[in-house]
Protein backbone atom coordinates (compact mmCIF):
# COMPACT_ATOMS: atom_id res chain seq x y z
CA MET A 1 0.01 -0.09 0.12
CA ARG A 2 2.72 2.49 1.00
CA ALA A 3 4.71 1.64 -2.09
CA SER A 4 1.59 2.44 -4.53
CA LYS A 5 1.44 5.58 -2.69
CA LEU A 6 5.14 6.28 -3.07
CA ARG A 7 4.73 5.47 -6.78
CA VAL A 8 2.13 8.12 -6.95
CA LEU A 9 4.00 10.57 -5.39
CA LEU A 10 7.22 9.95 -7.60
CA LEU A 11 5.05 9.97 -10.60
CA SER A 12 3.48 13.25 -9.58
CA ALA A 13 6.98 14.63 -8.98
CA GLY A 14 8.15 13.64 -12.32
CA LEU A 15 4.86 15.10 -13.80
CA PHE A 16 5.71 18.40 -12.51
CA VAL A 17 9.30 18.33 -13.50
CA PHE A 18 8.21 17.81 -17.18
CA ALA A 19 5.22 20.11 -16.75
CA GLY A 20 7.19 22.86 -18.17
CA ALA A 21 7.83 21.30 -21.59
CA ALA A 22 4.14 19.93 -21.46
CA ALA A 23 2.91 23.60 -20.59
CA ALA A 24 4.04 24.66 -23.95
CA GLN A 25 1.76 22.34 -25.63
CA ASP A 26 -1.07 21.61 -23.34
CA ALA A 27 -2.08 23.46 -20.02
CA VAL A 28 -1.65 21.14 -16.83
CA LYS A 29 -4.92 20.41 -15.22
CA ILE A 30 -4.87 18.60 -11.78
CA ALA A 31 -7.59 17.36 -9.33
CA VAL A 32 -7.82 15.89 -6.25
CA VAL A 33 -10.17 13.40 -4.80
CA ASP A 34 -10.98 12.35 -1.46
CA LEU A 35 -11.83 8.62 -1.87
CA ASP A 36 -12.77 7.99 1.79
CA GLN A 37 -15.43 10.72 1.73
CA ALA A 38 -16.63 9.44 -1.42
CA ILE A 39 -16.99 6.11 -0.02
CA ASN A 40 -18.84 7.46 2.87
CA ALA A 41 -21.12 9.72 0.90
CA THR A 42 -22.25 7.11 -1.57
CA ASP A 43 -25.57 5.28 -0.89
CA GLN A 44 -23.67 1.54 -1.03
CA GLY A 45 -20.74 3.19 1.22
CA LYS A 46 -23.51 4.11 3.89
CA LYS A 47 -25.04 0.63 3.94
CA ALA A 48 -21.32 -0.84 4.03
CA ARG A 49 -20.80 1.42 7.09
CA GLU A 50 -23.87 0.66 8.99
CA GLU A 51 -23.16 -2.93 8.45
CA LEU A 52 -19.51 -2.66 9.76
CA GLN A 53 -20.69 -0.67 12.85
CA GLY A 54 -23.03 -3.60 13.29
CA LYS A 55 -20.33 -6.10 13.26
CA GLN A 56 -18.34 -3.75 15.50
CA LYS A 57 -21.02 -3.76 18.11
CA GLN A 58 -21.26 -7.48 17.90
CA ALA A 59 -17.64 -7.91 18.42
CA GLU A 60 -17.76 -5.55 21.39
CA GLY A 61 -20.62 -7.78 22.66
CA GLN A 62 -18.43 -10.97 22.67
CA LEU A 63 -15.50 -9.02 24.53
CA LYS A 64 -17.42 -7.14 27.09
CA PRO A 65 -18.13 -10.35 29.04
CA MET A 66 -14.52 -11.35 29.09
CA TYR A 67 -13.13 -8.01 30.01
CA GLU A 68 -16.14 -7.58 32.97
CA ARG A 69 -14.69 -11.24 34.30
CA GLY A 70 -11.05 -9.95 34.12
CA LYS A 71 -11.68 -6.36 35.61
CA ALA A 72 -13.77 -8.23 38.51
CA LEU A 73 -11.02 -10.85 38.92
CA ALA A 74 -8.32 -7.87 39.23
CA GLU A 75 -10.34 -6.17 41.63
CA GLU A 76 -10.75 -9.27 43.90
CA ILE A 77 -7.19 -10.16 43.69
CA GLN A 78 -6.36 -6.50 44.47
CA SER A 79 -8.88 -6.38 47.59
CA LYS A 80 -8.12 -9.99 49.00
CA ARG A 81 -4.34 -9.79 48.28
CA PHE A 82 -3.58 -10.11 51.88
CA VAL A 83 -6.17 -12.54 53.34
CA LEU A 84 -5.70 -15.27 50.48
CA SER A 85 -3.26 -17.90 50.70
CA GLU A 86 -0.10 -17.71 48.77
CA ASP A 87 -1.44 -20.73 46.58
CA ALA A 88 -5.09 -19.27 46.13
CA LEU A 89 -3.53 -15.90 45.06
CA ARG A 90 -1.41 -17.28 42.43
CA GLN A 91 -4.27 -19.28 41.14
CA LYS A 92 -6.17 -16.14 40.81
CA GLN A 93 -3.45 -14.50 39.20
CA LEU A 94 -3.05 -17.32 36.75
CA ASP A 95 -6.80 -17.30 35.99
CA LEU A 96 -6.52 -13.47 35.47
CA ALA A 97 -3.49 -14.15 33.18
CA GLU A 98 -5.45 -16.51 31.14
CA ILE A 99 -8.59 -14.33 30.93
CA GLN A 100 -6.00 -11.54 29.55
CA SER A 101 -4.32 -13.82 27.11
CA ASN A 102 -7.99 -15.23 25.80
CA LEU A 103 -9.19 -11.55 25.47
CA ARG A 104 -6.03 -10.48 23.27
CA SER A 105 -6.67 -13.62 21.34
CA LYS A 106 -10.06 -13.01 20.82
CA GLY A 107 -9.69 -9.22 19.97
CA ALA A 108 -6.92 -9.94 17.60
CA GLU A 109 -9.19 -13.01 15.69
CA LEU A 110 -12.36 -10.20 15.81
CA GLU A 111 -9.98 -7.46 14.30
CA GLY A 112 -8.72 -9.82 11.78
CA GLN A 113 -12.25 -10.60 10.64
CA PHE A 114 -13.29 -6.91 10.70
CA LYS A 115 -10.27 -6.16 8.35
CA VAL A 116 -11.94 -8.96 6.06
CA ASP A 117 -15.28 -7.49 6.16
CA TYR A 118 -13.99 -4.02 5.49
CA GLU A 119 -12.30 -5.20 2.40
CA ARG A 120 -15.18 -7.31 1.35
CA LEU A 121 -17.51 -4.50 1.82
CA VAL A 122 -15.63 -1.22 0.95
CA GLY A 123 -12.95 -2.91 -1.74
CA PRO A 124 -15.50 -3.12 -4.67
CA LEU A 125 -16.78 0.26 -3.84
CA ARG A 126 -13.08 1.81 -3.97
CA ASP A 127 -12.33 -0.01 -7.15
CA LYS A 128 -15.77 1.29 -8.73
CA LEU A 129 -14.86 4.73 -7.40
CA LEU A 130 -11.16 4.41 -8.94
CA GLY A 131 -12.90 3.58 -12.18
CA ILE A 132 -14.93 6.60 -12.42
CA VAL A 133 -12.12 8.78 -11.21
CA SER A 134 -10.22 7.73 -14.22
CA ASP A 135 -13.26 8.27 -16.49
CA LEU A 136 -13.55 11.51 -15.29
CA GLY A 137 -9.98 12.37 -15.83
CA LYS A 138 -9.93 11.10 -19.35
CA GLU A 139 -13.29 12.82 -20.19
CA GLN A 140 -12.30 16.35 -18.47
CA GLY A 141 -8.72 16.42 -19.87
CA TYR A 142 -7.01 16.05 -16.51
CA THR A 143 -3.11 15.72 -16.43
CA LEU A 144 -3.12 14.44 -12.89
CA ILE A 145 -5.76 13.32 -10.20
CA LEU A 146 -4.39 12.93 -6.93
CA GLU A 147 -5.84 11.32 -3.81
CA ARG A 148 -6.45 13.56 -0.87
CA GLY A 149 -4.31 12.07 2.24
CA THR A 150 -1.75 10.98 0.16
CA PRO A 151 1.76 11.58 1.48
CA GLY A 152 3.09 14.79 -0.17
CA ILE A 153 -0.23 16.25 -0.47
CA VAL A 154 -0.27 19.27 2.09
CA TYR A 155 -2.62 21.67 0.69
CA SER A 156 -4.72 21.73 -2.29
CA LYS A 157 -7.47 24.38 -3.02
CA GLU A 158 -11.32 23.32 -2.86
CA ALA A 159 -11.79 23.96 -6.46
CA LEU A 160 -9.47 21.16 -7.55
CA ASP A 161 -11.74 18.78 -5.45
CA ILE A 162 -13.59 16.58 -7.76
CA THR A 163 -15.05 14.23 -4.98
CA ASP A 164 -18.77 15.31 -5.29
CA GLN A 165 -18.49 14.76 -9.32
CA VAL A 166 -17.21 11.14 -8.31
CA VAL A 167 -20.02 10.64 -5.99
CA GLN A 168 -22.82 11.78 -8.18
CA ARG A 169 -21.66 9.69 -10.97
CA PHE A 170 -21.21 6.73 -8.63
CA ASN A 171 -24.81 7.05 -7.33
CA LYS A 172 -26.29 7.50 -11.06
CA LYS A 173 -24.48 4.20 -12.07
CA GLY A 174 -25.61 2.39 -9.09
């Protein structure tokens, strides 16, 4: 992912170097698009976000009981530290370590599943949006279209932003 962003940055730098020669022939036309904003603004993107939020709540629901058990056990260990026998204290500490380990493991599993779900839901939308950006670039004669948030882009005029056009075209196509 970073390599592709680095290539975009190097490509854009190269285009600016040669823009002087190209400017003699054609005017350089540059645009900026915010694909994350576009995804969130499309109807399908909103549905995907709702589904992902539901999955996140479900994951939190699975982790909460484990977290609560661990918290309660940690409080019990703290409050009864001086009245428990060494063996009983050690056993409770082992139980707490096991709960913490299970919590980390389950959290990592759910995070991995969330990433898979995110790619399944958002990946195709992103691909469609990139196709629309490419089509707009060709149709409207852009020399370069940069993604907002890409390393190297610190500022751009709002007039260069074509995100709304991309969203409108996406919603028309469905």
